[in-house]
Structures are given as C-alpha cells and as structure tokens.
C-alpha cells in the first residue's frame, strides 16, 4: 500500500478531473498471478445504491421493455419499447435511482451467470458532435445497454455485438457520451457510444497482455479497415461520418485517432497513469493478484464520496462450475468500506444492503408505506459506511491507515476461507445436491456481510469518538448550501 504522504502528493493531479464519472480497470490473464482476468471499478452517481441479485427469467412471446430517457434529461428524449429476449440471464449488480432524467432503477453492469462482467464509464463526445443530438432523442441509454448486456451476453465479445446491434437498430439516448468495459475469462472489450444521434460506436479488444484503466473510456488509433479486423468492431458510418464533417482526411496519411476526432481529445490524468503503472509493475513482479485489484479500486486518489460502490470481478480459468463465479462488492466507495464476495450461486441479500430511502430519488417528499416500514427500519449499510467515510476523510492522515488496514485484513480473511468453501460446494454439486452447495456459499456471504457491517460500526464508533476529542467539531460555514454537483467532493487525500 502506498504511503499517506504519497497520496497527498498526488492529490493535486485530480483537481481538474470531474466527479460522478465512474472508472474501470482491466488486467489480462497473462498479467495476473493465477491466470485469471480481473476487472474492477465503480459507478459514480449521487443517489443511493443497493445490491441486487436478478434471477434468470423466461419471458412470453412478444414481451417488450421500455428504454431511453424522458424530457427531464440533459438531452431530452422519448421512451420507446423494444423486444425483450425469450430468456434473460441471472446477474449480480448494484442498482441506483437517479441520473439526468434516466428512469430508475439504473445499473452500470455487474457479473452474469455466463461469466461476463461489465463496467460503465463516462466518455465525453466532442462538443460539436454532442450538439447534433436530436431533440427529442430516442433509443436505449447507457443503463439500458448495460442491463441488456448482463441479461443476454455469453461472452465479452457477445456483449459488444449486442450493444452494437441495439444502437444500429434503435439509436442511442445520450447524456453526452459514454463507454462500457466488458470482460470474460479470456479477454476484454472497450465500447464507446458517442452522442449526436448518428449511431456512432466503436469497440476495441483488450487482450491477455493488456492493462487498461478507463477514466474516461478511450480508444486511440484504429485502422481504417477495422471492420475487417478481429480486434475491432464499430458502426458502418464510423469513418465516413468523420470525413463528411471534415474532421478527418483519408488522404492525409494520418492515423484515425478516435479520442481526438470524436472524443474530447483530453489526455488521461497523471494519477490514472500512476495506477496503470502500478498494475504493470505488479504484473512484472509475480502477477497482479485479486488483492492488488482491490487495492487499485480502493486507491484514495480515485475512491471517494462520488463512488457509489466498489466492484471487482475475479474471472478464473479453473472454475469447475459457473455457480462459483465471484463478484466482490463494497456497498459504497471502497476507500472506507470492505469488499465482500458474492458467488453466482447466491440468492439472498441482507435487508441492510437492499434499497432504503436514503438518497433515493423522490423520497424526501413522501412518507414510508406500511409495507416498506420494516425494511426502512433496518440499518442501511450505505449510510453507516458513508458516516465512516466522512469522519475518516476529514483527517485522513490520522484515520485512513487504520481503516485500510482493517478492511484489508477482513478481505484477506474472506479470501483465505474461499478455497475450502468452494471445494465443499463443488463436491455437493457433483453429488447432485445443488441445494446444499448453494446454501454453503449463500450462507457464508450473508455471514460476511453481517460481519462487514459489524466492522463498519466498530470503526465508526472508535473514529467518531477520537475525531471529537482530537479534531473537534467543524461547524459548516454555509447552512443553506450543503451539497454540490460540480465539486469539490469529499476524498481521503
């Protein structure tokens, strides 16, 4: 773990970076210590977040889903109906309730029963392109695409094909430009969806020797004949539209730089390059481990109040059954919240990690219903760990090292137990007792979620008491303006 001093030294690098942006990190299987693919990151949204296990479902012939944005979005739109698949896959995700006129619940991806993991990351389009967005716009939004990919994709490549086909058929509802990062046990893909209403999209493969951190999502130079290459996919008009607009000259001899031509042409922040460099260094020194990936996602340079949760998908080569696929989830930004393992076999979520009213869109104007009262009475883990974050980040030099030490020890303890539990589950699956195998894994996750909340409360109580004694109460200077959309934000740096 880097020293707190180095965190403060690097903090200035991020002052110009936008919040509420999301990030994703991919490490290919040749660079990890166990030959797995690792993908992690967070979604950065204001509203409350809650854990969901969405079961596989069968849908009747002719079933449809509603996609798009409404007239309250930054770029107003109209909702439309598109066909639903006959069967949708089981997946684990974090849901949230609010973004820019996008109908809730929203999602940034997760992990599905076929071993496809997804992240959703901002990727701003050039202003001239964003200005072309129709009013009203139609087509699936970023969350629709993420959800549909989780419901239908059987590989990372398949996820790209699904998104591309949806955009080609129905268009795309944008908030200004977006990207996705998908991975399976063999490879990853970055997909960028551009604003403008022209159906522009491009995808680049991430191979076994690649490390990629998207913040924002980016693709640089691509071959002009990318449609004939296995490592790229994109809309048919991707090159021709740039030529029509005078943004690219095919005869100039210059390469087609996607970020420069269609994106905002901003370089990646130095802090992001630091994290990628750490991954490459770890890869050269025995391989990137699951522990390392959790540390990247937790880095105080990028994990703070804007982070709605943390996720790490561990896509292993040696799995005997897909029920053992694992997604590690932190209920808020993982800088002050632990990762807990969730297997694909799991079925239950504790009430404390389900939906509550805190920061849920529209709830400030209504009373709780009798039906929801007991759920609301339960402690909301997101609020508990947020309180821990606010105290810790007010004096990170004093409190952050002990918090990270405790969270790391908790996660290491979980990792130490997993081989034994998975071996037991595998034997039970082989014996035809899937019910018992599922129970072994499900029960352990629930126990660890309870213990995670216990740990959070112990840390909160200790740090709250010492903060009052050692730091003192800091009275707000402005009681009227208690929140911000455009920063500064709370970070532990």
Foldseek 3Di string as FASTA:
>chain_A
DDDLVVLVVCLVLCPPAFFQWKKKKWAAQLLALFSFIKMKIFGFDQFAKFKDWAAKDADDPPDWDKAAFDCQAPQHADIDIDDDDRIWWIFIFIWGADDRRGHDGFTQAGATLLQKTKGKGFFAWAPVQQVLADVHHWFHENRRLRRNLRGDPNFQVSSVVVSLVRCVVINYHYNGKIWMWMHGGFWIKIKIAGHNRPSWIKMFIGGNRDIDMPNPGADFFDDPVCVVDPGMDIDPCHVVVLVVVVLDDPPPPDTDTCCRRTGHPDDDGVVSVVLSVVSNVSSVVSGHYPLNVLCSQLSLSRFAQSGQKMKMWTRHDPDPHSQQGWIWIFRGRCLQAATFIDGSLADDDDLQRRDELGRRPPSVVDDDDPVCVVSNVDHHLSVLSNLLRVLCLVPVSVQSVVSVVVRSVLVVVNVVCVVVLSVVLVVCVVVVNNVVSSVSRNVVRRVSVVVRSVVSVVSSVVSVVVCCVPVNDDDDPDPVDDDDNGDDGRTND
